[in-house]
Amino acid sequence: MALFTPDQNHSIERAEKLQQGFGGAESNVAIGLARLGVDVGWFSKLGEDPFASRIVKTIRGEGVDVSRVTYTDQASTGMMLRELVCGKVAVHYFRKHSAASTMSVDDLDEEYIRSAQILHVTGITTALSESCKQTIFRAVEIAKQAGVKISFDPNLRLKLWTLEEAREVILPLAEQADYFLPGWDELKLLYNTTDAAVIDKKLHALNGVSIVKGKGDSNVIYENGQEVDVPFYPAEQVVDTVGAGDAFCAGFLAGIAKGLSPLEAVRIASVTGSIVVQTFGDWEAIPTWKDVERRLSAQVWIER
């Protein structure tokens, strides 16, 4: 979506100028993977408008394959406005009947999906429309049949649907995922409990590996009946948490794509998330692989 934010942390109501950018969970992850040295493609459906041109050109410029993006002249590219209200981020969506919401199974390139190592999807797309939901489930089906691994971040957005609607879609997708990447607070809502033992049991019952973000002061790996806590990588200061989860996903998937174990991949993810929260933007601060290696090896950045 096109993204507009007031300058100088003004409210939208009082701002005289809005800065233009774009954001989206899947595109954020794609950009992150490209910066981390992974071959990655991103596809969606956009309007035939200037917003779409800017989005596609920028994502392509980051090294992401956008050749399977489709366009329609029957709907516009979605927009969102973001502001700080009492120190917290508030988002206003203008995405109902957007071009992305018209995406359908017919827009899928099945061979493109079959050629991948990993297919990454989020719950956001399934919330946009019935046709989007069918598209995601079909994409997952194609990937599973071809032996392509499924990565799924629920990215629960209750402005887009009710919690009951979300559960009916997200929980079945979690069961199909090879890598399930929820936040701990999301799990409490999805499983309708605050009992950690109950949530742990449900995660252990899933077929894939679950990487839970933000359980206490750690990220936790659930794999083969075992749980491994991975402490957060420290951030010198937290400026903006928007995009941190997407940066985490990008770091994790980059590690997996490079042949690392889930534990090693989560350590990469913790670094990418830590870097992103220290500046503003959805994807702008996602680091390169060299940046991550420098952090992991405790090298000091010397400005000359």
C-alpha atoms as a PDB file:
ATOM      1  CA  MET A   1       0.000   0.000   0.000  1.00  0.00           C
ATOM      2  CA  ALA A   2       0.959   3.596  -0.417  1.00  0.00           C
ATOM      3  CA  LEU A   3       1.884   5.034   2.975  1.00  0.00           C
ATOM      4  CA  PHE A   4       1.556   8.624   4.179  1.00  0.00           C
ATOM      5  CA  THR A   5       2.919   9.940   7.468  1.00  0.00           C
ATOM      6  CA  PRO A   6       2.953  13.461   8.923  1.00  0.00           C
ATOM      7  CA  ASP A   7       6.309  15.156   9.258  1.00  0.00           C
ATOM      8  CA  GLN A   8       7.769  16.202  12.612  1.00  0.00           C
ATOM      9  CA  ASN A   9       5.516  13.723  14.462  1.00  0.00           C
ATOM     10  CA  HIS A  10       2.446  15.908  13.996  1.00  0.00           C
ATOM     11  CA  SER A  11      -1.013  14.393  14.025  1.00  0.00           C
ATOM     12  CA  ILE A  12      -2.636  13.880  10.635  1.00  0.00           C
ATOM     13  CA  GLU A  13      -5.316  16.401  11.579  1.00  0.00           C
ATOM     14  CA  ARG A  14      -2.766  19.150  12.206  1.00  0.00           C
ATOM     15  CA  ALA A  15      -0.041  18.279   9.731  1.00  0.00           C
ATOM     16  CA  GLU A  16       0.478  20.513   6.727  1.00  0.00           C
ATOM     17  CA  LYS A  17       2.606  17.962   4.884  1.00  0.00           C
ATOM     18  CA  LEU A  18       2.553  14.178   4.539  1.00  0.00           C
ATOM     19  CA  GLN A  19       5.577  12.105   3.575  1.00  0.00           C
ATOM     20  CA  GLN A  20       4.957   9.455   0.950  1.00  0.00           C
ATOM     21  CA  GLY A  21       6.284   5.918   1.110  1.00  0.00           C
ATOM     22  CA  PHE A  22       4.850   2.426   1.041  1.00  0.00           C
ATOM     23  CA  GLY A  23       4.497  -0.545   3.311  1.00  0.00           C
ATOM     24  CA  GLY A  24       3.201  -4.079   3.432  1.00  0.00           C
ATOM     25  CA  ALA A  25       4.194  -7.107   5.462  1.00  0.00           C
ATOM     26  CA  GLU A  26       5.082  -9.373   2.559  1.00  0.00           C
ATOM     27  CA  SER A  27       6.927  -6.720   0.568  1.00  0.00           C
ATOM     28  CA  ASN A  28       8.850  -5.725   3.702  1.00  0.00           C
ATOM     29  CA  VAL A  29       9.976  -9.329   4.119  1.00  0.00           C
ATOM     30  CA  ALA A  30      10.906  -9.577   0.442  1.00  0.00           C
ATOM     31  CA  ILE A  31      13.073  -6.453   0.604  1.00  0.00           C
ATOM     32  CA  GLY A  32      14.696  -7.750   3.766  1.00  0.00           C
ATOM     33  CA  LEU A  33      15.525 -11.080   2.148  1.00  0.00           C
ATOM     34  CA  ALA A  34      17.038  -9.370  -0.883  1.00  0.00           C
ATOM     35  CA  ARG A  35      19.249  -7.213   1.328  1.00  0.00           C
ATOM     36  CA  LEU A  36      20.315 -10.333   3.203  1.00  0.00           C
ATOM     37  CA  GLY A  37      21.511 -11.947  -0.009  1.00  0.00           C
ATOM     38  CA  VAL A  38      18.593 -14.241  -0.851  1.00  0.00           C
ATOM     39  CA  ASP A  39      16.967 -14.555  -4.286  1.00  0.00           C
ATOM     40  CA  VAL A  40      13.373 -13.515  -3.678  1.00  0.00           C
ATOM     41  CA  GLY A  41      10.226 -12.684  -5.603  1.00  0.00           C
ATOM     42  CA  TRP A  42       7.127 -10.808  -4.484  1.00  0.00           C
ATOM     43  CA  PHE A  43       3.739 -10.742  -6.143  1.00  0.00           C
ATOM     44  CA  SER A  44       0.456  -9.002  -5.471  1.00  0.00           C
ATOM     45  CA  LYS A  45      -2.168  -7.077  -7.424  1.00  0.00           C
ATOM     46  CA  LEU A  46      -1.952  -3.309  -7.809  1.00  0.00           C
ATOM     47  CA  GLY A  47      -3.924  -0.578  -9.500  1.00  0.00           C
ATOM     48  CA  GLU A  48      -2.791   1.102 -12.686  1.00  0.00           C
ATOM     49  CA  ASP A  49      -1.800   4.280 -10.891  1.00  0.00           C
ATOM     50  CA  PRO A  50       1.268   6.286  -9.769  1.00  0.00           C
ATOM     51  CA  PHE A  51       1.295   4.625  -6.343  1.00  0.00           C
ATOM     52  CA  ALA A  52       1.755   1.228  -7.960  1.00  0.00           C
ATOM     53  CA  SER A  53       4.539   2.527 -10.200  1.00  0.00           C
ATOM     54  CA  ARG A  54       6.447   3.893  -7.219  1.00  0.00           C
ATOM     55  CA  ILE A  55       5.997   0.702  -5.213  1.00  0.00           C
ATOM     56  CA  VAL A  56       7.083  -1.658  -7.978  1.00  0.00           C
ATOM     57  CA  LYS A  57      10.052   0.443  -9.064  1.00  0.00           C
ATOM     58  CA  THR A  58      11.341   0.714  -5.501  1.00  0.00           C
ATOM     59  CA  ILE A  59      10.927  -2.974  -4.710  1.00  0.00           C
ATOM     60  CA  ARG A  60      12.580  -3.918  -8.000  1.00  0.00           C
ATOM     61  CA  GLY A  61      15.391  -1.523  -7.170  1.00  0.00           C
ATOM     62  CA  GLU A  62      15.982  -3.422  -3.928  1.00  0.00           C
ATOM     63  CA  GLY A  63      16.705  -6.553  -5.962  1.00  0.00           C
ATOM     64  CA  VAL A  64      13.328  -8.278  -5.617  1.00  0.00           C
ATOM     65  CA  ASP A  65      11.763 -10.022  -8.630  1.00  0.00           C
ATOM     66  CA  VAL A  66       8.408  -8.325  -9.285  1.00  0.00           C
ATOM     67  CA  SER A  67       7.717  -9.986 -12.632  1.00  0.00           C
ATOM     68  CA  ARG A  68       4.583 -11.739 -11.348  1.00  0.00           C
ATOM     69  CA  VAL A  69       2.862  -8.612 -10.026  1.00  0.00           C
ATOM     70  CA  THR A  70      -0.483  -8.127 -11.782  1.00  0.00           C
ATOM     71  CA  TYR A  71      -2.470  -4.930 -12.363  1.00  0.00           C
ATOM     72  CA  THR A  72      -6.088  -3.907 -12.707  1.00  0.00           C
ATOM     73  CA  ASP A  73      -7.785  -0.765 -13.973  1.00  0.00           C
ATOM     74  CA  GLN A  74     -10.911  -1.635 -11.983  1.00  0.00           C
ATOM     75  CA  ALA A  75      -9.525  -0.709  -8.555  1.00  0.00           C
ATOM     76  CA  SER A  76      -6.864   1.506  -7.009  1.00  0.00           C
ATOM     77  CA  THR A  77      -3.765   0.630  -5.038  1.00  0.00           C
ATOM     78  CA  GLY A  78      -4.575   0.672  -1.324  1.00  0.00           C
ATOM     79  CA  MET A  79      -3.406   3.417   1.003  1.00  0.00           C
ATOM     80  CA  MET A  80      -2.710   3.783   4.697  1.00  0.00           C
ATOM     81  CA  LEU A  81      -1.950   6.755   6.904  1.00  0.00           C
ATOM     82  CA  ARG A  82       0.091   6.408  10.059  1.00  0.00           C
ATOM     83  CA  GLU A  83       0.536   8.829  12.956  1.00  0.00           C
ATOM     84  CA  LEU A  84       1.675   8.927  16.558  1.00  0.00           C
ATOM     85  CA  VAL A  85      -1.152   9.391  19.052  1.00  0.00           C
ATOM     86  CA  CYS A  86      -0.097   9.787  22.695  1.00  0.00           C
ATOM     87  CA  GLY A  87       3.177   8.094  21.894  1.00  0.00           C
ATOM     88  CA  LYS A  88       1.579   5.097  20.172  1.00  0.00           C
ATOM     89  CA  VAL A  89       1.284   4.311  16.480  1.00  0.00           C
ATOM     90  CA  ALA A  90      -2.192   4.664  14.971  1.00  0.00           C
ATOM     91  CA  VAL A  91      -2.899   3.344  11.468  1.00  0.00           C
ATOM     92  CA  HIS A  92      -5.784   4.346   9.218  1.00  0.00           C
ATOM     93  CA  TYR A  93      -6.440   1.970   6.322  1.00  0.00           C
ATOM     94  CA  PHE A  94      -7.969   2.811   2.949  1.00  0.00           C
ATOM     95  CA  ARG A  95      -7.831  -0.660   1.450  1.00  0.00           C
ATOM     96  CA  LYS A  96     -11.439  -1.798   1.142  1.00  0.00           C
ATOM     97  CA  HIS A  97     -12.117  -2.664  -2.513  1.00  0.00           C
ATOM     98  CA  SER A  98      -8.438  -2.001  -3.262  1.00  0.00           C
ATOM     99  CA  ALA A  99      -6.668  -3.671  -6.161  1.00  0.00           C
ATOM    100  CA  ALA A 100      -5.019  -6.167  -3.826  1.00  0.00           C
ATOM    101  CA  SER A 101      -8.413  -7.230  -2.491  1.00  0.00           C
ATOM    102  CA  THR A 102      -9.423  -8.339  -6.009  1.00  0.00           C
ATOM    103  CA  MET A 103      -6.594 -10.855  -6.239  1.00  0.00           C
ATOM    104  CA  SER A 104      -7.874 -14.302  -7.223  1.00  0.00           C
ATOM    105  CA  VAL A 105      -6.639 -17.804  -7.908  1.00  0.00           C
ATOM    106  CA  ASP A 106      -6.408 -16.901 -11.604  1.00  0.00           C
ATOM    107  CA  ASP A 107      -3.614 -14.432 -10.758  1.00  0.00           C
ATOM    108  CA  LEU A 108      -1.317 -17.201  -9.507  1.00  0.00           C
ATOM    109  CA  ASP A 109       1.626 -18.421 -11.563  1.00  0.00           C
ATOM    110  CA  GLU A 110       1.733 -22.035 -10.390  1.00  0.00           C
ATOM    111  CA  GLU A 111       5.135 -22.799 -11.928  1.00  0.00           C
ATOM    112  CA  TYR A 112       6.619 -19.758 -10.239  1.00  0.00           C
ATOM    113  CA  ILE A 113       5.434 -21.028  -6.851  1.00  0.00           C
ATOM    114  CA  ARG A 114       6.666 -24.556  -7.578  1.00  0.00           C
ATOM    115  CA  SER A 115      10.124 -23.223  -8.391  1.00  0.00           C
ATOM    116  CA  ALA A 116      10.607 -21.708  -4.930  1.00  0.00           C
ATOM    117  CA  GLN A 117      12.387 -23.074  -1.882  1.00  0.00           C
ATOM    118  CA  ILE A 118       9.991 -21.319   0.518  1.00  0.00           C
ATOM    119  CA  LEU A 119       6.589 -19.664   0.077  1.00  0.00           C
ATOM    120  CA  HIS A 120       5.959 -16.925   2.645  1.00  0.00           C
ATOM    121  CA  VAL A 121       2.394 -15.757   3.318  1.00  0.00           C
ATOM    122  CA  THR A 122       0.644 -13.772   6.038  1.00  0.00           C
ATOM    123  CA  GLY A 123      -2.814 -13.616   7.530  1.00  0.00           C
ATOM    124  CA  ILE A 124      -3.252 -10.069   6.277  1.00  0.00           C
ATOM    125  CA  THR A 125      -3.891 -11.093   2.671  1.00  0.00           C
ATOM    126  CA  THR A 126      -6.499 -13.654   3.680  1.00  0.00           C
ATOM    127  CA  ALA A 127      -8.403 -10.924   5.543  1.00  0.00           C
ATOM    128  CA  LEU A 128      -8.809  -8.665   2.510  1.00  0.00           C
ATOM    129  CA  SER A 129     -11.536 -10.614   0.701  1.00  0.00           C
ATOM    130  CA  GLU A 130     -12.936 -14.070   0.078  1.00  0.00           C
ATOM    131  CA  SER A 131     -11.037 -14.276  -3.225  1.00  0.00           C
ATOM    132  CA  CYS A 132      -7.788 -13.339  -1.459  1.00  0.00           C
ATOM    133  CA  LYS A 133      -8.382 -16.060   1.118  1.00  0.00           C
ATOM    134  CA  GLN A 134      -8.953 -18.627  -1.637  1.00  0.00           C
ATOM    135  CA  THR A 135      -5.818 -17.394  -3.411  1.00  0.00           C
ATOM    136  CA  ILE A 136      -3.621 -17.921  -0.349  1.00  0.00           C
ATOM    137  CA  PHE A 137      -4.996 -21.383   0.350  1.00  0.00           C
ATOM    138  CA  ARG A 138      -4.481 -22.358  -3.291  1.00  0.00           C
ATOM    139  CA  ALA A 139      -0.924 -20.997  -3.271  1.00  0.00           C
ATOM    140  CA  VAL A 140      -0.191 -23.041  -0.149  1.00  0.00           C
ATOM    141  CA  GLU A 141      -1.728 -26.130  -1.770  1.00  0.00           C
ATOM    142  CA  ILE A 142       0.443 -25.691  -4.878  1.00  0.00           C
ATOM    143  CA  ALA A 143       3.555 -25.264  -2.738  1.00  0.00           C
ATOM    144  CA  LYS A 144       2.806 -28.301  -0.579  1.00  0.00           C
ATOM    145  CA  GLN A 145       2.277 -30.497  -3.632  1.00  0.00           C
ATOM    146  CA  ALA A 146       5.634 -29.382  -5.012  1.00  0.00           C
ATOM    147  CA  GLY A 147       7.549 -29.875  -1.762  1.00  0.00           C
ATOM    148  CA  VAL A 148       8.007 -26.132  -1.254  1.00  0.00           C
ATOM    149  CA  LYS A 149       8.247 -25.146   2.413  1.00  0.00           C
ATOM    150  CA  ILE A 150       5.518 -22.878   3.815  1.00  0.00           C
ATOM    151  CA  SER A 151       6.357 -19.911   6.033  1.00  0.00           C
ATOM    152  CA  PHE A 152       3.363 -18.306   7.722  1.00  0.00           C
ATOM    153  CA  ASP A 153       3.201 -15.152   9.839  1.00  0.00           C
ATOM    154  CA  PRO A 154      -0.368 -14.626  11.121  1.00  0.00           C
ATOM    155  CA  ASN A 155       0.096 -10.849  11.365  1.00  0.00           C
ATOM    156  CA  LEU A 156      -3.230 -10.542  13.155  1.00  0.00           C
ATOM    157  CA  ARG A 157      -4.967  -7.275  12.167  1.00  0.00           C
ATOM    158  CA  LEU A 158      -8.299  -6.906  13.946  1.00  0.00           C
ATOM    159  CA  LYS A 159      -9.113  -3.781  11.952  1.00  0.00           C
ATOM    160  CA  LEU A 160      -9.534  -6.069   8.949  1.00  0.00           C
ATOM    161  CA  TRP A 161     -11.737  -8.808  10.425  1.00  0.00           C
ATOM    162  CA  THR A 162     -13.146 -10.149  13.668  1.00  0.00           C
ATOM    163  CA  LEU A 163     -11.147 -12.429  15.920  1.00  0.00           C
ATOM    164  CA  GLU A 164     -13.583 -15.269  15.194  1.00  0.00           C
ATOM    165  CA  GLU A 165     -13.101 -14.834  11.448  1.00  0.00           C
ATOM    166  CA  ALA A 166      -9.341 -14.715  11.921  1.00  0.00           C
ATOM    167  CA  ARG A 167      -9.258 -17.941  13.934  1.00  0.00           C
ATOM    168  CA  GLU A 168     -11.155 -19.841  11.238  1.00  0.00           C
ATOM    169  CA  VAL A 169      -8.449 -18.984   8.701  1.00  0.00           C
ATOM    170  CA  ILE A 170      -5.210 -18.534  10.638  1.00  0.00           C
ATOM    171  CA  LEU A 171      -5.329 -21.716  12.707  1.00  0.00           C
ATOM    172  CA  PRO A 172      -5.765 -24.040   9.673  1.00  0.00           C
ATOM    173  CA  LEU A 173      -2.897 -22.246   7.920  1.00  0.00           C
ATOM    174  CA  ALA A 174      -0.730 -22.688  11.015  1.00  0.00           C
ATOM    175  CA  GLU A 175      -1.338 -26.430  10.782  1.00  0.00           C
ATOM    176  CA  GLN A 176      -0.008 -26.463   7.210  1.00  0.00           C
ATOM    177  CA  ALA A 177       3.030 -24.293   7.849  1.00  0.00           C
ATOM    178  CA  ASP A 178       6.556 -25.644   8.003  1.00  0.00           C
ATOM    179  CA  TYR A 179       7.568 -22.426   9.770  1.00  0.00           C
ATOM    180  CA  PHE A 180       4.914 -20.713  11.901  1.00  0.00           C
ATOM    181  CA  LEU A 181       5.966 -17.234  13.066  1.00  0.00           C
ATOM    182  CA  PRO A 182       3.405 -15.790  15.523  1.00  0.00           C
ATOM    183  CA  GLY A 183       3.839 -13.316  18.342  1.00  0.00           C
ATOM    184  CA  TRP A 184       3.053 -14.505  21.863  1.00  0.00           C
ATOM    185  CA  ASP A 185       0.285 -11.917  22.280  1.00  0.00           C
ATOM    186  CA  GLU A 186      -1.274 -13.074  19.002  1.00  0.00           C
ATOM    187  CA  LEU A 187      -1.335 -16.648  20.271  1.00  0.00           C
ATOM    188  CA  LYS A 188      -3.206 -15.656  23.413  1.00  0.00           C
ATOM    189  CA  LEU A 189      -5.939 -14.187  21.210  1.00  0.00           C
ATOM    190  CA  LEU A 190      -5.968 -16.959  18.625  1.00  0.00           C
ATOM    191  CA  TYR A 191      -6.113 -19.747  21.207  1.00  0.00           C
ATOM    192  CA  ASN A 192      -8.393 -17.752  23.519  1.00  0.00           C
ATOM    193  CA  THR A 193      -6.295 -18.329  26.618  1.00  0.00           C
ATOM    194  CA  THR A 194      -3.553 -16.744  28.683  1.00  0.00           C
ATOM    195  CA  ASP A 195      -2.482 -20.140  30.051  1.00  0.00           C
ATOM    196  CA  ALA A 196       1.054 -20.655  28.773  1.00  0.00           C
ATOM    197  CA  ALA A 197       0.860 -24.421  29.257  1.00  0.00           C
ATOM    198  CA  VAL A 198      -2.220 -24.654  27.040  1.00  0.00           C
ATOM    199  CA  ILE A 199      -0.583 -22.550  24.308  1.00  0.00           C
ATOM    200  CA  ASP A 200       2.615 -24.579  24.530  1.00  0.00           C
ATOM    201  CA  LYS A 201       0.645 -27.801  24.081  1.00  0.00           C
ATOM    202  CA  LYS A 202      -1.125 -26.481  20.991  1.00  0.00           C
ATOM    203  CA  LEU A 203       2.145 -25.370  19.437  1.00  0.00           C
ATOM    204  CA  HIS A 204       3.738 -28.754  20.068  1.00  0.00           C
ATOM    205  CA  ALA A 205       0.781 -30.375  18.307  1.00  0.00           C
ATOM    206  CA  LEU A 206       1.555 -28.521  15.057  1.00  0.00           C
ATOM    207  CA  ASN A 207       3.458 -30.306  12.304  1.00  0.00           C
ATOM    208  CA  GLY A 208       6.059 -27.639  11.636  1.00  0.00           C
ATOM    209  CA  VAL A 209       8.527 -25.548  13.593  1.00  0.00           C
ATOM    210  CA  SER A 210       7.004 -22.632  15.509  1.00  0.00           C
ATOM    211  CA  ILE A 211       9.068 -19.510  16.168  1.00  0.00           C
ATOM    212  CA  VAL A 212       7.246 -17.437  18.783  1.00  0.00           C
ATOM    213  CA  LYS A 213       8.225 -13.785  18.982  1.00  0.00           C
ATOM    214  CA  GLY A 214       8.206 -11.989  22.300  1.00  0.00           C
ATOM    215  CA  LYS A 215       7.470 -14.620  24.927  1.00  0.00           C
ATOM    216  CA  GLY A 216       8.816 -12.782  27.930  1.00  0.00           C
ATOM    217  CA  ASP A 217      12.310 -11.548  27.127  1.00  0.00           C
ATOM    218  CA  SER A 218      12.973 -14.193  24.492  1.00  0.00           C
ATOM    219  CA  ASN A 219      11.947 -15.660  21.202  1.00  0.00           C
ATOM    220  CA  VAL A 220      11.105 -19.338  21.570  1.00  0.00           C
ATOM    221  CA  ILE A 221      11.587 -22.211  19.129  1.00  0.00           C
ATOM    222  CA  TYR A 222       9.097 -25.091  19.342  1.00  0.00           C
ATOM    223  CA  GLU A 223      10.466 -28.086  17.473  1.00  0.00           C
ATOM    224  CA  ASN A 224      10.101 -31.856  17.893  1.00  0.00           C
ATOM    225  CA  GLY A 225       8.517 -31.496  21.326  1.00  0.00           C
ATOM    226  CA  GLN A 226      11.323 -29.272  22.578  1.00  0.00           C
ATOM    227  CA  GLU A 227      11.422 -25.569  23.451  1.00  0.00           C
ATOM    228  CA  VAL A 228      14.524 -23.411  23.089  1.00  0.00           C
ATOM    229  CA  ASP A 229      14.631 -19.830  24.363  1.00  0.00           C
ATOM    230  CA  VAL A 230      16.683 -17.364  22.347  1.00  0.00           C
ATOM    231  CA  PRO A 231      17.202 -14.060  24.214  1.00  0.00           C
ATOM    232  CA  PHE A 232      16.525 -10.802  22.389  1.00  0.00           C
ATOM    233  CA  TYR A 233      19.514  -9.195  20.744  1.00  0.00           C
ATOM    234  CA  PRO A 234      19.907  -5.859  22.578  1.00  0.00           C
ATOM    235  CA  ALA A 235      18.829  -2.588  20.986  1.00  0.00           C
ATOM    236  CA  GLU A 236      20.608   0.562  22.098  1.00  0.00           C
ATOM    237  CA  GLN A 237      17.358   2.509  21.770  1.00  0.00           C
ATOM    238  CA  VAL A 238      13.847   1.778  20.548  1.00  0.00           C
ATOM    239  CA  VAL A 239      12.535   4.440  18.169  1.00  0.00           C
ATOM    240  CA  ASP A 240       9.840   2.714  16.117  1.00  0.00           C
ATOM    241  CA  THR A 241       8.661  -0.906  16.343  1.00  0.00           C
ATOM    242  CA  VAL A 242       6.812  -0.827  13.012  1.00  0.00           C
ATOM    243  CA  GLY A 243       8.322  -3.393  10.646  1.00  0.00           C
ATOM    244  CA  ALA A 244      10.298  -5.178  13.358  1.00  0.00           C
ATOM    245  CA  GLY A 245       8.298  -8.376  12.968  1.00  0.00           C
ATOM    246  CA  ASP A 246       8.801  -8.354   9.201  1.00  0.00           C
ATOM    247  CA  ALA A 247      12.534  -7.784   9.645  1.00  0.00           C
ATOM    248  CA  PHE A 248      12.570 -10.704  12.076  1.00  0.00           C
ATOM    249  CA  CYS A 249      10.836 -12.922   9.505  1.00  0.00           C
ATOM    250  CA  ALA A 250      13.284 -11.835   6.818  1.00  0.00           C
ATOM    251  CA  GLY A 251      16.241 -12.623   9.038  1.00  0.00           C
ATOM    252  CA  PHE A 252      14.862 -16.020   9.989  1.00  0.00           C
ATOM    253  CA  LEU A 253      14.009 -17.020   6.424  1.00  0.00           C
ATOM    254  CA  ALA A 254      17.380 -15.785   5.179  1.00  0.00           C
ATOM    255  CA  GLY A 255      19.062 -18.062   7.690  1.00  0.00           C
ATOM    256  CA  ILE A 256      16.939 -21.032   6.656  1.00  0.00           C
ATOM    257  CA  ALA A 257      17.521 -20.319   2.943  1.00  0.00           C
ATOM    258  CA  LYS A 258      21.270 -20.274   3.600  1.00  0.00           C
ATOM    259  CA  GLY A 259      21.099 -23.697   5.247  1.00  0.00           C
ATOM    260  CA  LEU A 260      21.288 -22.637   8.896  1.00  0.00           C
ATOM    261  CA  SER A 261      19.439 -24.419  11.690  1.00  0.00           C
ATOM    262  CA  PRO A 262      16.291 -22.816  13.163  1.00  0.00           C
ATOM    263  CA  LEU A 263      18.326 -21.800  16.225  1.00  0.00           C
ATOM    264  CA  GLU A 264      20.977 -20.083  14.119  1.00  0.00           C
ATOM    265  CA  ALA A 265      18.279 -18.500  11.947  1.00  0.00           C
ATOM    266  CA  VAL A 266      16.492 -17.074  14.990  1.00  0.00           C
ATOM    267  CA  ARG A 267      19.739 -15.511  16.137  1.00  0.00           C
ATOM    268  CA  ILE A 268      19.987 -13.796  12.744  1.00  0.00           C
ATOM    269  CA  ALA A 269      16.344 -12.727  13.046  1.00  0.00           C
ATOM    270  CA  SER A 270      16.916 -11.255  16.490  1.00  0.00           C
ATOM    271  CA  VAL A 271      19.670  -9.052  15.087  1.00  0.00           C
ATOM    272  CA  THR A 272      17.606  -7.836  12.114  1.00  0.00           C
ATOM    273  CA  GLY A 273      14.661  -7.024  14.371  1.00  0.00           C
ATOM    274  CA  SER A 274      16.909  -5.195  16.821  1.00  0.00           C
ATOM    275  CA  ILE A 275      18.388  -3.002  14.104  1.00  0.00           C
ATOM    276  CA  VAL A 276      15.010  -2.052  12.627  1.00  0.00           C
ATOM    277  CA  VAL A 277      13.451  -0.820  15.885  1.00  0.00           C
ATOM    278  CA  GLN A 278      16.199   1.766  16.224  1.00  0.00           C
ATOM    279  CA  THR A 279      14.949   3.966  13.390  1.00  0.00           C
ATOM    280  CA  PHE A 280      11.736   4.960  11.611  1.00  0.00           C
ATOM    281  CA  GLY A 281      10.227   3.198   8.630  1.00  0.00           C
ATOM    282  CA  ASP A 282       8.621  -0.067   7.565  1.00  0.00           C
ATOM    283  CA  TRP A 283      11.583  -1.526   5.662  1.00  0.00           C
ATOM    284  CA  GLU A 284      14.098   1.268   5.203  1.00  0.00           C
ATOM    285  CA  ALA A 285      16.342   0.186   8.100  1.00  0.00           C
ATOM    286  CA  ILE A 286      16.479  -3.544   7.312  1.00  0.00           C
ATOM    287  CA  PRO A 287      20.195  -4.421   7.322  1.00  0.00           C
ATOM    288  CA  THR A 288      22.398  -6.204   4.808  1.00  0.00           C
ATOM    289  CA  TRP A 289      24.015  -9.556   5.486  1.00  0.00           C
ATOM    290  CA  LYS A 290      27.336  -7.803   6.158  1.00  0.00           C
ATOM    291  CA  ASP A 291      25.643  -5.604   8.770  1.00  0.00           C
ATOM    292  CA  VAL A 292      24.308  -8.702  10.509  1.00  0.00           C
ATOM    293  CA  GLU A 293      27.654 -10.464  10.405  1.00  0.00           C
ATOM    294  CA  ARG A 294      29.306  -7.394  11.899  1.00  0.00           C
ATOM    295  CA  ARG A 295      26.833  -7.388  14.796  1.00  0.00           C
ATOM    296  CA  LEU A 296      27.200 -11.112  15.414  1.00  0.00           C
ATOM    297  CA  SER A 297      30.985 -10.914  15.412  1.00  0.00           C
ATOM    298  CA  ALA A 298      30.852  -7.903  17.763  1.00  0.00           C
ATOM    299  CA  GLN A 299      32.799  -5.743  15.352  1.00  0.00           C
ATOM    300  CA  VAL A 300      32.708  -2.087  16.188  1.00  0.00           C
ATOM    301  CA  TRP A 301      31.616   0.364  13.497  1.00  0.00           C
ATOM    302  CA  ILE A 302      34.241   3.079  13.149  1.00  0.00           C
ATOM    303  CA  GLU A 303      33.180   6.247  11.368  1.00  0.00           C
ATOM    304  CA  ARG A 304      36.051   7.834   9.437  1.00  0.00           C
END
